[in-house]
Amino acid sequence: MGRMTATSRPKRVLLAAPRGYCAGVDRAVIAVEKALEQYGAPIYVRHEIVHNKYVVQTLEKKGAIFVDQATEVPPGNIVMFSAHGVAPSVHKEAADGKLATIDATCPLVTKVHKEAVRFAKEDFDILLIGHEGHEEVIGTSGEAPDHITLVDGPEDVANVTVRDESKVVWLSQTTLSVDETMETVDALKEKFPQLISPPSDDICYATQNRQIAIKELAGQAELVIVVGSKNSSNSIRMVEVAKQAGAPDAHLVDFASEIDEAWLEGVTTVGLSSGASVPDVLVEEVLEWLSARGYGDVEIVKTADESLTFSLPKELRRDLRAEAAELVKE
């Protein structure tokens, strides 16, 4: 028998596991839903609670109102801070505006904030590896603006200056590419040999796991599709990682309807995953779309188990407990 041609090989989808919601995103989305149930609409949210178009639109339909600044919220209302974290100045704005606050910052981002505060108190120069303008970077920088210098990738290292090369530490935005971050760290260490690393890895576990899975898929697929929004840093990084790992073609889509059938020409194996702020319903829609075009064979590519969960924001837990106590009394 002759060798099978690309067109005669069975079509399949390699589905990454883990994918989709991380613990911090799950916590933030549930926090908005619980707040709407507990306090009623509207619940104001400063910036998108997570970077996903579908999630934001769904929560808007339930009564969430997304604003650019806390100062836009009428006094006496509740404002929730997104999973990306905010600077201390934003907490002050909310207090000045007589707003009740619910802080849905991902605990892993909060950890980076605390590290920034601690190293600033010890008078270190802090080199924050991240992308300029990203909400997480803005929030972290606001914790110690006089001590933090943003380093936006390896090419930015040449511009970095510090006061004392013996007191320099690096921190990073949690949603970056692991490879890009370590490339930047290596360049910084070459320039500042006494550079200190943070006490624990700042790159989010979910970001790492999704990038590892994408690398596994990329070596076997002619096309990789990542479900995620254009403003989602971790989703964008997944597409970049897929291409760097050898995928001939890779694309980011919010919805199945955005897939171009021309991408499938000559493709027998499609790799599929989703960013850390993407609900699985959107991946299911892509699977249905692909199945309708002959890609009905789905193989799970599992590279890690995820069991981490985070409790709801403390302000919400307090009020939910109080309500439960009242119900018990009745």
C-alpha atoms as a PDB file:
ATOM      1  CA  MET A   1       0.000   0.000   0.000  1.00  0.00           C
ATOM      2  CA  GLY A   2       1.215   3.498  -0.756  1.00  0.00           C
ATOM      3  CA  ARG A   3       1.607   6.212   1.830  1.00  0.00           C
ATOM      4  CA  MET A   4      -1.526   8.139   2.803  1.00  0.00           C
ATOM      5  CA  THR A   5      -1.694  11.648   1.413  1.00  0.00           C
ATOM      6  CA  ALA A   6      -2.441  14.655   3.598  1.00  0.00           C
ATOM      7  CA  THR A   7      -5.983  14.717   2.207  1.00  0.00           C
ATOM      8  CA  SER A   8      -6.639  11.009   2.934  1.00  0.00           C
ATOM      9  CA  ARG A   9      -5.371  11.015   6.528  1.00  0.00           C
ATOM     10  CA  PRO A  10      -8.162  11.143   9.105  1.00  0.00           C
ATOM     11  CA  LYS A  11      -8.896  14.620  10.372  1.00  0.00           C
ATOM     12  CA  ARG A  12      -8.565  15.191  14.105  1.00  0.00           C
ATOM     13  CA  VAL A  13      -8.483  17.802  16.837  1.00  0.00           C
ATOM     14  CA  LEU A  14      -5.900  17.780  19.610  1.00  0.00           C
ATOM     15  CA  LEU A  15      -7.610  19.423  22.581  1.00  0.00           C
ATOM     16  CA  ALA A  16      -5.342  20.859  25.271  1.00  0.00           C
ATOM     17  CA  ALA A  17      -5.841  20.061  28.926  1.00  0.00           C
ATOM     18  CA  PRO A  18      -5.671  22.141  30.985  1.00  0.00           C
ATOM     19  CA  ARG A  19      -7.213  25.103  29.177  1.00  0.00           C
ATOM     20  CA  GLY A  20      -9.644  27.913  29.917  1.00  0.00           C
ATOM     21  CA  TYR A  21     -10.487  29.389  33.293  1.00  0.00           C
ATOM     22  CA  CYS A  22      -7.755  29.606  35.893  1.00  0.00           C
ATOM     23  CA  ALA A  23      -8.562  29.817  39.603  1.00  0.00           C
ATOM     24  CA  GLY A  24      -8.196  33.617  39.691  1.00  0.00           C
ATOM     25  CA  VAL A  25     -10.568  34.170  36.759  1.00  0.00           C
ATOM     26  CA  ASP A  26     -13.100  31.675  38.106  1.00  0.00           C
ATOM     27  CA  ARG A  27     -13.055  33.497  41.453  1.00  0.00           C
ATOM     28  CA  ALA A  28     -13.486  36.933  39.852  1.00  0.00           C
ATOM     29  CA  VAL A  29     -16.399  35.926  37.605  1.00  0.00           C
ATOM     30  CA  ILE A  30     -18.193  34.137  40.447  1.00  0.00           C
ATOM     31  CA  ALA A  31     -17.586  37.199  42.646  1.00  0.00           C
ATOM     32  CA  VAL A  32     -19.509  39.427  40.210  1.00  0.00           C
ATOM     33  CA  GLU A  33     -22.346  36.891  39.954  1.00  0.00           C
ATOM     34  CA  LYS A  34     -22.565  36.467  43.748  1.00  0.00           C
ATOM     35  CA  ALA A  35     -22.436  40.231  44.291  1.00  0.00           C
ATOM     36  CA  LEU A  36     -25.358  40.713  41.895  1.00  0.00           C
ATOM     37  CA  GLU A  37     -27.325  38.047  43.789  1.00  0.00           C
ATOM     38  CA  GLN A  38     -26.391  39.468  47.195  1.00  0.00           C
ATOM     39  CA  TYR A  39     -26.784  43.201  46.611  1.00  0.00           C
ATOM     40  CA  GLY A  40     -28.800  43.428  43.398  1.00  0.00           C
ATOM     41  CA  ALA A  41     -27.983  45.323  40.206  1.00  0.00           C
ATOM     42  CA  PRO A  42     -26.129  47.367  39.352  1.00  0.00           C
ATOM     43  CA  ILE A  43     -22.694  46.265  40.470  1.00  0.00           C
ATOM     44  CA  TYR A  44     -20.027  48.527  39.046  1.00  0.00           C
ATOM     45  CA  VAL A  45     -16.750  46.943  37.945  1.00  0.00           C
ATOM     46  CA  ARG A  46     -13.637  49.009  37.292  1.00  0.00           C
ATOM     47  CA  HIS A  47     -12.302  47.829  33.918  1.00  0.00           C
ATOM     48  CA  GLU A  48     -13.201  44.420  32.514  1.00  0.00           C
ATOM     49  CA  ILE A  49     -13.374  41.888  35.349  1.00  0.00           C
ATOM     50  CA  VAL A  50     -11.330  39.578  33.104  1.00  0.00           C
ATOM     51  CA  HIS A  51     -10.147  40.077  29.536  1.00  0.00           C
ATOM     52  CA  ASN A  52     -12.853  38.184  27.669  1.00  0.00           C
ATOM     53  CA  LYS A  53     -15.532  39.706  25.461  1.00  0.00           C
ATOM     54  CA  TYR A  54     -18.121  36.944  26.052  1.00  0.00           C
ATOM     55  CA  VAL A  55     -17.735  37.027  29.839  1.00  0.00           C
ATOM     56  CA  VAL A  56     -18.083  40.810  29.963  1.00  0.00           C
ATOM     57  CA  GLN A  57     -21.167  40.794  27.718  1.00  0.00           C
ATOM     58  CA  THR A  58     -22.776  38.007  29.777  1.00  0.00           C
ATOM     59  CA  LEU A  59     -22.220  39.850  33.066  1.00  0.00           C
ATOM     60  CA  GLU A  60     -23.524  43.103  31.564  1.00  0.00           C
ATOM     61  CA  LYS A  61     -26.794  41.329  30.744  1.00  0.00           C
ATOM     62  CA  LYS A  62     -27.048  40.298  34.417  1.00  0.00           C
ATOM     63  CA  GLY A  63     -26.599  43.874  35.648  1.00  0.00           C
ATOM     64  CA  ALA A  64     -22.867  44.550  35.874  1.00  0.00           C
ATOM     65  CA  ILE A  65     -21.706  47.971  34.664  1.00  0.00           C
ATOM     66  CA  PHE A  66     -18.090  48.256  33.545  1.00  0.00           C
ATOM     67  CA  VAL A  67     -16.411  51.633  33.984  1.00  0.00           C
ATOM     68  CA  ASP A  68     -12.950  52.942  33.170  1.00  0.00           C
ATOM     69  CA  GLN A  69     -12.422  54.662  36.536  1.00  0.00           C
ATOM     70  CA  ALA A  70     -13.842  54.411  40.050  1.00  0.00           C
ATOM     71  CA  THR A  71     -14.615  58.133  39.853  1.00  0.00           C
ATOM     72  CA  GLU A  72     -17.379  57.321  37.337  1.00  0.00           C
ATOM     73  CA  VAL A  73     -19.357  55.354  39.951  1.00  0.00           C
ATOM     74  CA  PRO A  74     -22.136  57.299  41.727  1.00  0.00           C
ATOM     75  CA  PRO A  75     -21.547  57.691  45.508  1.00  0.00           C
ATOM     76  CA  GLY A  76     -23.064  55.010  47.713  1.00  0.00           C
ATOM     77  CA  ASN A  77     -22.648  52.228  45.146  1.00  0.00           C
ATOM     78  CA  ILE A  78     -20.416  49.157  45.083  1.00  0.00           C
ATOM     79  CA  VAL A  79     -17.371  49.026  42.839  1.00  0.00           C
ATOM     80  CA  MET A  80     -15.471  45.811  42.230  1.00  0.00           C
ATOM     81  CA  PHE A  81     -11.805  45.766  41.232  1.00  0.00           C
ATOM     82  CA  SER A  82     -10.849  43.383  38.431  1.00  0.00           C
ATOM     83  CA  ALA A  83      -8.670  40.277  38.638  1.00  0.00           C
ATOM     84  CA  HIS A  84      -5.700  42.276  37.311  1.00  0.00           C
ATOM     85  CA  GLY A  85      -5.345  44.381  40.473  1.00  0.00           C
ATOM     86  CA  VAL A  86      -5.252  48.131  41.047  1.00  0.00           C
ATOM     87  CA  ALA A  87      -2.823  50.677  42.469  1.00  0.00           C
ATOM     88  CA  PRO A  88      -3.308  52.095  46.006  1.00  0.00           C
ATOM     89  CA  SER A  89      -4.430  55.384  44.414  1.00  0.00           C
ATOM     90  CA  VAL A  90      -7.516  53.595  43.044  1.00  0.00           C
ATOM     91  CA  HIS A  91      -8.481  52.391  46.532  1.00  0.00           C
ATOM     92  CA  LYS A  92      -8.190  56.019  47.661  1.00  0.00           C
ATOM     93  CA  GLU A  93     -10.398  57.215  44.783  1.00  0.00           C
ATOM     94  CA  ALA A  94     -13.072  54.742  45.836  1.00  0.00           C
ATOM     95  CA  ALA A  95     -12.873  55.831  49.482  1.00  0.00           C
ATOM     96  CA  ASP A  96     -13.034  59.510  48.492  1.00  0.00           C
ATOM     97  CA  GLY A  97     -16.087  58.751  46.357  1.00  0.00           C
ATOM     98  CA  LYS A  98     -17.810  57.029  49.290  1.00  0.00           C
ATOM     99  CA  LEU A  99     -17.928  53.715  47.455  1.00  0.00           C
ATOM    100  CA  ALA A 100     -18.100  50.251  48.958  1.00  0.00           C
ATOM    101  CA  THR A 101     -15.415  48.071  47.374  1.00  0.00           C
ATOM    102  CA  ILE A 102     -14.979  44.407  46.565  1.00  0.00           C
ATOM    103  CA  ASP A 103     -11.438  43.496  45.586  1.00  0.00           C
ATOM    104  CA  ALA A 104     -11.407  40.613  43.102  1.00  0.00           C
ATOM    105  CA  THR A 105      -7.658  40.876  42.416  1.00  0.00           C
ATOM    106  CA  CYS A 106      -6.202  37.428  41.707  1.00  0.00           C
ATOM    107  CA  PRO A 107      -4.270  36.272  44.796  1.00  0.00           C
ATOM    108  CA  LEU A 108      -1.256  35.542  42.585  1.00  0.00           C
ATOM    109  CA  VAL A 109      -1.246  39.174  41.431  1.00  0.00           C
ATOM    110  CA  THR A 110      -1.647  40.308  45.048  1.00  0.00           C
ATOM    111  CA  LYS A 111       1.491  38.293  45.834  1.00  0.00           C
ATOM    112  CA  VAL A 112       3.464  40.345  43.292  1.00  0.00           C
ATOM    113  CA  HIS A 113       2.052  43.564  44.788  1.00  0.00           C
ATOM    114  CA  LYS A 114       3.230  42.511  48.252  1.00  0.00           C
ATOM    115  CA  GLU A 115       6.669  41.640  46.919  1.00  0.00           C
ATOM    116  CA  ALA A 116       6.916  45.094  45.321  1.00  0.00           C
ATOM    117  CA  VAL A 117       5.979  46.789  48.615  1.00  0.00           C
ATOM    118  CA  ARG A 118       8.474  44.693  50.586  1.00  0.00           C
ATOM    119  CA  PHE A 119      11.417  45.281  48.249  1.00  0.00           C
ATOM    120  CA  ALA A 120      10.607  48.999  48.019  1.00  0.00           C
ATOM    121  CA  LYS A 121      10.695  49.244  51.819  1.00  0.00           C
ATOM    122  CA  GLU A 122      14.167  47.677  51.685  1.00  0.00           C
ATOM    123  CA  ASP A 123      15.108  50.354  49.103  1.00  0.00           C
ATOM    124  CA  PHE A 124      15.689  47.974  46.178  1.00  0.00           C
ATOM    125  CA  ASP A 125      15.395  49.013  42.567  1.00  0.00           C
ATOM    126  CA  ILE A 126      12.617  46.778  41.217  1.00  0.00           C
ATOM    127  CA  LEU A 127      12.747  45.758  37.560  1.00  0.00           C
ATOM    128  CA  LEU A 128       9.191  44.806  36.603  1.00  0.00           C
ATOM    129  CA  ILE A 129       9.096  42.623  33.492  1.00  0.00           C
ATOM    130  CA  GLY A 130       5.837  43.246  31.675  1.00  0.00           C
ATOM    131  CA  HIS A 131       4.004  45.017  28.895  1.00  0.00           C
ATOM    132  CA  GLU A 132       3.518  48.756  29.084  1.00  0.00           C
ATOM    133  CA  GLY A 133      -0.115  49.749  29.546  1.00  0.00           C
ATOM    134  CA  HIS A 134      -1.301  46.353  30.792  1.00  0.00           C
ATOM    135  CA  GLU A 135      -3.638  46.749  33.780  1.00  0.00           C
ATOM    136  CA  GLU A 136      -1.626  44.353  35.930  1.00  0.00           C
ATOM    137  CA  VAL A 137       1.574  46.313  35.294  1.00  0.00           C
ATOM    138  CA  ILE A 138      -0.153  49.616  36.082  1.00  0.00           C
ATOM    139  CA  GLY A 139      -1.495  48.215  39.364  1.00  0.00           C
ATOM    140  CA  THR A 140       1.827  46.722  40.471  1.00  0.00           C
ATOM    141  CA  SER A 141       3.798  49.827  39.486  1.00  0.00           C
ATOM    142  CA  GLY A 142       1.450  51.923  41.571  1.00  0.00           C
ATOM    143  CA  GLU A 143       2.533  50.102  44.727  1.00  0.00           C
ATOM    144  CA  ALA A 144       6.027  51.586  44.561  1.00  0.00           C
ATOM    145  CA  PRO A 145       6.323  54.015  41.643  1.00  0.00           C
ATOM    146  CA  ASP A 146       9.610  55.515  42.843  1.00  0.00           C
ATOM    147  CA  HIS A 147      11.303  52.114  42.949  1.00  0.00           C
ATOM    148  CA  ILE A 148       9.867  50.319  39.906  1.00  0.00           C
ATOM    149  CA  THR A 149      11.249  50.392  36.363  1.00  0.00           C
ATOM    150  CA  LEU A 150       9.271  48.615  33.649  1.00  0.00           C
ATOM    151  CA  VAL A 151      11.271  46.273  31.392  1.00  0.00           C
ATOM    152  CA  ASP A 152       9.209  45.468  28.305  1.00  0.00           C
ATOM    153  CA  GLY A 153      11.097  42.463  26.921  1.00  0.00           C
ATOM    154  CA  PRO A 154      14.767  41.601  26.289  1.00  0.00           C
ATOM    155  CA  GLU A 155      15.224  44.444  23.812  1.00  0.00           C
ATOM    156  CA  ASP A 156      14.406  46.948  26.576  1.00  0.00           C
ATOM    157  CA  VAL A 157      17.249  45.816  28.881  1.00  0.00           C
ATOM    158  CA  ALA A 158      19.815  48.134  27.288  1.00  0.00           C
ATOM    159  CA  ASN A 159      17.811  51.144  28.490  1.00  0.00           C
ATOM    160  CA  VAL A 160      17.683  50.079  32.148  1.00  0.00           C
ATOM    161  CA  THR A 161      19.695  51.955  34.764  1.00  0.00           C
ATOM    162  CA  VAL A 162      19.762  51.382  38.530  1.00  0.00           C
ATOM    163  CA  ARG A 163      21.085  53.272  41.550  1.00  0.00           C
ATOM    164  CA  ASP A 164      22.960  50.384  43.177  1.00  0.00           C
ATOM    165  CA  GLU A 165      23.731  47.169  41.309  1.00  0.00           C
ATOM    166  CA  SER A 166      23.905  45.256  44.592  1.00  0.00           C
ATOM    167  CA  LYS A 167      20.250  46.065  45.389  1.00  0.00           C
ATOM    168  CA  VAL A 168      18.279  45.066  42.311  1.00  0.00           C
ATOM    169  CA  VAL A 169      15.405  42.558  42.085  1.00  0.00           C
ATOM    170  CA  TRP A 170      13.151  41.483  39.235  1.00  0.00           C
ATOM    171  CA  LEU A 171       9.408  40.831  39.377  1.00  0.00           C
ATOM    172  CA  SER A 172       7.079  40.039  36.490  1.00  0.00           C
ATOM    173  CA  GLN A 173       3.571  40.356  35.132  1.00  0.00           C
ATOM    174  CA  THR A 174       1.897  36.999  35.786  1.00  0.00           C
ATOM    175  CA  THR A 175       0.475  36.481  32.282  1.00  0.00           C
ATOM    176  CA  LEU A 176       3.673  36.662  30.222  1.00  0.00           C
ATOM    177  CA  SER A 177       5.296  33.979  28.125  1.00  0.00           C
ATOM    178  CA  VAL A 178       7.588  31.985  30.407  1.00  0.00           C
ATOM    179  CA  ASP A 179      10.252  31.819  27.693  1.00  0.00           C
ATOM    180  CA  GLU A 180      10.140  35.549  26.992  1.00  0.00           C
ATOM    181  CA  THR A 181      10.328  36.348  30.704  1.00  0.00           C
ATOM    182  CA  MET A 182      13.349  34.127  31.284  1.00  0.00           C
ATOM    183  CA  GLU A 183      15.045  35.531  28.177  1.00  0.00           C
ATOM    184  CA  THR A 184      14.564  39.001  29.684  1.00  0.00           C
ATOM    185  CA  VAL A 185      15.829  37.803  33.078  1.00  0.00           C
ATOM    186  CA  ASP A 186      18.951  36.306  31.459  1.00  0.00           C
ATOM    187  CA  ALA A 187      19.670  39.615  29.714  1.00  0.00           C
ATOM    188  CA  LEU A 188      19.170  41.510  32.981  1.00  0.00           C
ATOM    189  CA  LYS A 189      21.495  39.135  34.857  1.00  0.00           C
ATOM    190  CA  GLU A 190      24.164  39.652  32.234  1.00  0.00           C
ATOM    191  CA  LYS A 191      23.901  43.403  32.772  1.00  0.00           C
ATOM    192  CA  PHE A 192      23.398  43.218  36.561  1.00  0.00           C
ATOM    193  CA  PRO A 193      25.189  40.081  37.864  1.00  0.00           C
ATOM    194  CA  GLN A 194      23.917  40.639  41.429  1.00  0.00           C
ATOM    195  CA  LEU A 195      20.263  40.717  40.308  1.00  0.00           C
ATOM    196  CA  ILE A 196      17.995  38.989  42.851  1.00  0.00           C
ATOM    197  CA  SER A 197      15.097  36.766  41.803  1.00  0.00           C
ATOM    198  CA  PRO A 198      11.740  36.920  43.622  1.00  0.00           C
ATOM    199  CA  PRO A 199      11.273  34.373  46.428  1.00  0.00           C
ATOM    200  CA  SER A 200       8.862  32.399  44.260  1.00  0.00           C
ATOM    201  CA  ASP A 201       7.954  32.255  40.578  1.00  0.00           C
ATOM    202  CA  ASP A 202       5.724  35.178  39.565  1.00  0.00           C
ATOM    203  CA  ILE A 203       4.491  33.647  36.313  1.00  0.00           C
ATOM    204  CA  CYS A 204       1.009  32.263  36.985  1.00  0.00           C
ATOM    205  CA  TYR A 205       0.807  28.455  37.217  1.00  0.00           C
ATOM    206  CA  ALA A 206      -2.113  28.489  34.755  1.00  0.00           C
ATOM    207  CA  THR A 207      -0.170  30.577  32.237  1.00  0.00           C
ATOM    208  CA  GLN A 208       2.709  28.099  32.406  1.00  0.00           C
ATOM    209  CA  ASN A 209       0.441  25.056  32.126  1.00  0.00           C
ATOM    210  CA  ARG A 210      -1.402  26.418  29.093  1.00  0.00           C
ATOM    211  CA  GLN A 211       1.858  27.301  27.355  1.00  0.00           C
ATOM    212  CA  ILE A 212       3.296  23.833  28.022  1.00  0.00           C
ATOM    213  CA  ALA A 213       0.177  22.229  26.535  1.00  0.00           C
ATOM    214  CA  ILE A 214       0.330  24.520  23.477  1.00  0.00           C
ATOM    215  CA  LYS A 215       3.952  23.500  22.887  1.00  0.00           C
ATOM    216  CA  GLU A 216       2.877  19.852  22.971  1.00  0.00           C
ATOM    217  CA  LEU A 217       0.123  20.502  20.403  1.00  0.00           C
ATOM    218  CA  ALA A 218       2.220  22.710  18.161  1.00  0.00           C
ATOM    219  CA  GLY A 219       4.597  19.899  17.262  1.00  0.00           C
ATOM    220  CA  GLN A 220       1.741  17.743  15.957  1.00  0.00           C
ATOM    221  CA  ALA A 221      -0.723  20.220  14.414  1.00  0.00           C
ATOM    222  CA  GLU A 222      -0.657  22.109  11.133  1.00  0.00           C
ATOM    223  CA  LEU A 223      -3.057  24.658  12.600  1.00  0.00           C
ATOM    224  CA  VAL A 224      -3.459  25.839  16.198  1.00  0.00           C
ATOM    225  CA  ILE A 225      -6.550  27.759  17.283  1.00  0.00           C
ATOM    226  CA  VAL A 226      -6.525  29.602  20.609  1.00  0.00           C
ATOM    227  CA  VAL A 227      -9.873  30.842  21.874  1.00  0.00           C
ATOM    228  CA  GLY A 228      -9.420  34.191  23.613  1.00  0.00           C
ATOM    229  CA  SER A 229      -9.887  37.938  23.303  1.00  0.00           C
ATOM    230  CA  LYS A 230      -7.498  40.332  21.575  1.00  0.00           C
ATOM    231  CA  ASN A 231      -6.847  42.210  24.850  1.00  0.00           C
ATOM    232  CA  SER A 232      -5.997  39.032  26.763  1.00  0.00           C
ATOM    233  CA  SER A 233      -2.239  38.979  27.331  1.00  0.00           C
ATOM    234  CA  ASN A 234      -2.052  35.277  28.193  1.00  0.00           C
ATOM    235  CA  SER A 235      -4.124  34.310  25.121  1.00  0.00           C
ATOM    236  CA  ILE A 236      -1.926  36.367  22.793  1.00  0.00           C
ATOM    237  CA  ARG A 237       1.166  34.744  24.329  1.00  0.00           C
ATOM    238  CA  MET A 238      -0.293  31.270  23.637  1.00  0.00           C
ATOM    239  CA  VAL A 239      -0.509  32.015  19.923  1.00  0.00           C
ATOM    240  CA  GLU A 240       3.093  33.282  19.947  1.00  0.00           C
ATOM    241  CA  VAL A 241       4.258  30.186  21.855  1.00  0.00           C
ATOM    242  CA  ALA A 242       2.501  27.892  19.351  1.00  0.00           C
ATOM    243  CA  LYS A 243       4.312  29.513  16.424  1.00  0.00           C
ATOM    244  CA  GLN A 244       7.652  29.458  18.225  1.00  0.00           C
ATOM    245  CA  ALA A 245       7.134  25.765  19.015  1.00  0.00           C
ATOM    246  CA  GLY A 246       6.730  24.896  15.333  1.00  0.00           C
ATOM    247  CA  ALA A 247       3.044  25.260  14.445  1.00  0.00           C
ATOM    248  CA  PRO A 248       2.892  26.310  10.767  1.00  0.00           C
ATOM    249  CA  ASP A 249      -0.179  28.441  11.483  1.00  0.00           C
ATOM    250  CA  ALA A 250      -1.855  29.731  14.667  1.00  0.00           C
ATOM    251  CA  HIS A 251      -4.748  32.116  15.249  1.00  0.00           C
ATOM    252  CA  LEU A 252      -6.611  33.796  18.107  1.00  0.00           C
ATOM    253  CA  VAL A 253     -10.428  33.906  17.911  1.00  0.00           C
ATOM    254  CA  ASP A 254     -13.133  35.052  20.302  1.00  0.00           C
ATOM    255  CA  PHE A 255     -15.813  32.865  18.737  1.00  0.00           C
ATOM    256  CA  ALA A 256     -16.117  29.945  16.305  1.00  0.00           C
ATOM    257  CA  SER A 257     -17.694  32.335  13.785  1.00  0.00           C
ATOM    258  CA  GLU A 258     -14.318  34.120  13.450  1.00  0.00           C
ATOM    259  CA  ILE A 259     -12.542  31.024  12.085  1.00  0.00           C
ATOM    260  CA  ASP A 260     -11.686  31.322   8.403  1.00  0.00           C
ATOM    261  CA  GLU A 261     -12.335  28.062   6.530  1.00  0.00           C
ATOM    262  CA  ALA A 262      -9.304  28.851   4.352  1.00  0.00           C
ATOM    263  CA  TRP A 263      -7.127  28.100   7.408  1.00  0.00           C
ATOM    264  CA  LEU A 264      -8.178  24.435   7.132  1.00  0.00           C
ATOM    265  CA  GLU A 265      -6.837  23.911   3.620  1.00  0.00           C
ATOM    266  CA  GLY A 266      -4.477  20.920   3.681  1.00  0.00           C
ATOM    267  CA  VAL A 267      -4.842  20.601   7.477  1.00  0.00           C
ATOM    268  CA  THR A 268      -5.437  17.172   9.018  1.00  0.00           C
ATOM    269  CA  THR A 269      -4.618  18.017  12.647  1.00  0.00           C
ATOM    270  CA  VAL A 270      -5.948  21.078  14.466  1.00  0.00           C
ATOM    271  CA  GLY A 271      -4.623  21.968  17.903  1.00  0.00           C
ATOM    272  CA  LEU A 272      -7.166  23.720  20.126  1.00  0.00           C
ATOM    273  CA  SER A 273      -6.848  25.500  23.458  1.00  0.00           C
ATOM    274  CA  SER A 274      -8.124  28.600  25.224  1.00  0.00           C
ATOM    275  CA  GLY A 275      -6.780  31.406  27.357  1.00  0.00           C
ATOM    276  CA  ALA A 276      -7.116  31.555  31.123  1.00  0.00           C
ATOM    277  CA  SER A 277     -10.130  33.893  30.972  1.00  0.00           C
ATOM    278  CA  VAL A 278     -12.210  31.820  28.538  1.00  0.00           C
ATOM    279  CA  PRO A 279     -15.297  29.785  29.540  1.00  0.00           C
ATOM    280  CA  ASP A 280     -15.372  26.284  28.052  1.00  0.00           C
ATOM    281  CA  VAL A 281     -18.675  26.921  26.267  1.00  0.00           C
ATOM    282  CA  LEU A 282     -16.698  28.877  23.655  1.00  0.00           C
ATOM    283  CA  VAL A 283     -14.310  25.945  23.109  1.00  0.00           C
ATOM    284  CA  GLU A 284     -17.307  23.596  22.743  1.00  0.00           C
ATOM    285  CA  GLU A 285     -18.645  25.870  19.985  1.00  0.00           C
ATOM    286  CA  VAL A 286     -15.330  25.645  18.141  1.00  0.00           C
ATOM    287  CA  LEU A 287     -15.364  21.850  18.479  1.00  0.00           C
ATOM    288  CA  GLU A 288     -18.870  21.767  16.982  1.00  0.00           C
ATOM    289  CA  TRP A 289     -17.745  24.069  14.156  1.00  0.00           C
ATOM    290  CA  LEU A 290     -14.745  21.840  13.394  1.00  0.00           C
ATOM    291  CA  SER A 291     -16.821  18.650  13.659  1.00  0.00           C
ATOM    292  CA  ALA A 292     -19.227  19.984  11.029  1.00  0.00           C
ATOM    293  CA  ARG A 293     -16.221  20.260   8.712  1.00  0.00           C
ATOM    294  CA  GLY A 294     -14.957  16.717   9.245  1.00  0.00           C
ATOM    295  CA  TYR A 295     -12.824  17.184  12.354  1.00  0.00           C
ATOM    296  CA  GLY A 296     -14.947  15.016  14.634  1.00  0.00           C
ATOM    297  CA  ASP A 297     -12.135  12.936  16.127  1.00  0.00           C
ATOM    298  CA  VAL A 298     -11.043  14.710  19.319  1.00  0.00           C
ATOM    299  CA  GLU A 299      -7.981  13.607  21.302  1.00  0.00           C
ATOM    300  CA  ILE A 300      -7.212  15.125  24.699  1.00  0.00           C
ATOM    301  CA  VAL A 301      -3.588  16.158  25.205  1.00  0.00           C
ATOM    302  CA  LYS A 302      -3.163  16.380  28.962  1.00  0.00           C
ATOM    303  CA  THR A 303       0.046  17.887  30.320  1.00  0.00           C
ATOM    304  CA  ALA A 304      -0.962  18.857  33.876  1.00  0.00           C
ATOM    305  CA  ASP A 305      -3.643  18.554  36.543  1.00  0.00           C
ATOM    306  CA  GLU A 306      -5.096  21.708  38.071  1.00  0.00           C
ATOM    307  CA  SER A 307      -6.956  21.645  41.372  1.00  0.00           C
ATOM    308  CA  LEU A 308      -6.183  25.084  42.836  1.00  0.00           C
ATOM    309  CA  THR A 309      -9.154  27.169  43.945  1.00  0.00           C
ATOM    310  CA  PHE A 310      -9.370  30.559  45.657  1.00  0.00           C
ATOM    311  CA  SER A 311     -11.972  31.712  48.159  1.00  0.00           C
ATOM    312  CA  LEU A 312     -14.205  34.641  47.259  1.00  0.00           C
ATOM    313  CA  PRO A 313     -13.096  38.211  48.111  1.00  0.00           C
ATOM    314  CA  LYS A 314     -13.233  38.822  51.866  1.00  0.00           C
ATOM    315  CA  GLU A 315     -15.850  41.602  51.621  1.00  0.00           C
ATOM    316  CA  LEU A 316     -18.239  39.253  49.820  1.00  0.00           C
ATOM    317  CA  ARG A 317     -17.552  36.328  52.171  1.00  0.00           C
ATOM    318  CA  ARG A 318     -18.310  38.562  55.160  1.00  0.00           C
ATOM    319  CA  ASP A 319     -21.720  39.617  53.843  1.00  0.00           C
ATOM    320  CA  LEU A 320     -22.645  36.129  52.657  1.00  0.00           C
ATOM    321  CA  ARG A 321     -21.818  34.783  56.130  1.00  0.00           C
ATOM    322  CA  ALA A 322     -23.907  37.520  57.757  1.00  0.00           C
ATOM    323  CA  GLU A 323     -26.882  36.656  55.536  1.00  0.00           C
ATOM    324  CA  ALA A 324     -26.508  32.971  56.343  1.00  0.00           C
ATOM    325  CA  ALA A 325     -26.424  33.775  60.072  1.00  0.00           C
ATOM    326  CA  GLU A 326     -29.649  35.779  59.765  1.00  0.00           C
ATOM    327  CA  LEU A 327     -31.360  32.906  57.967  1.00  0.00           C
ATOM    328  CA  VAL A 328     -30.322  30.521  60.756  1.00  0.00           C
ATOM    329  CA  LYS A 329     -31.855  32.886  63.362  1.00  0.00           C
ATOM    330  CA  GLU A 330     -35.136  32.922  61.474  1.00  0.00           C
END
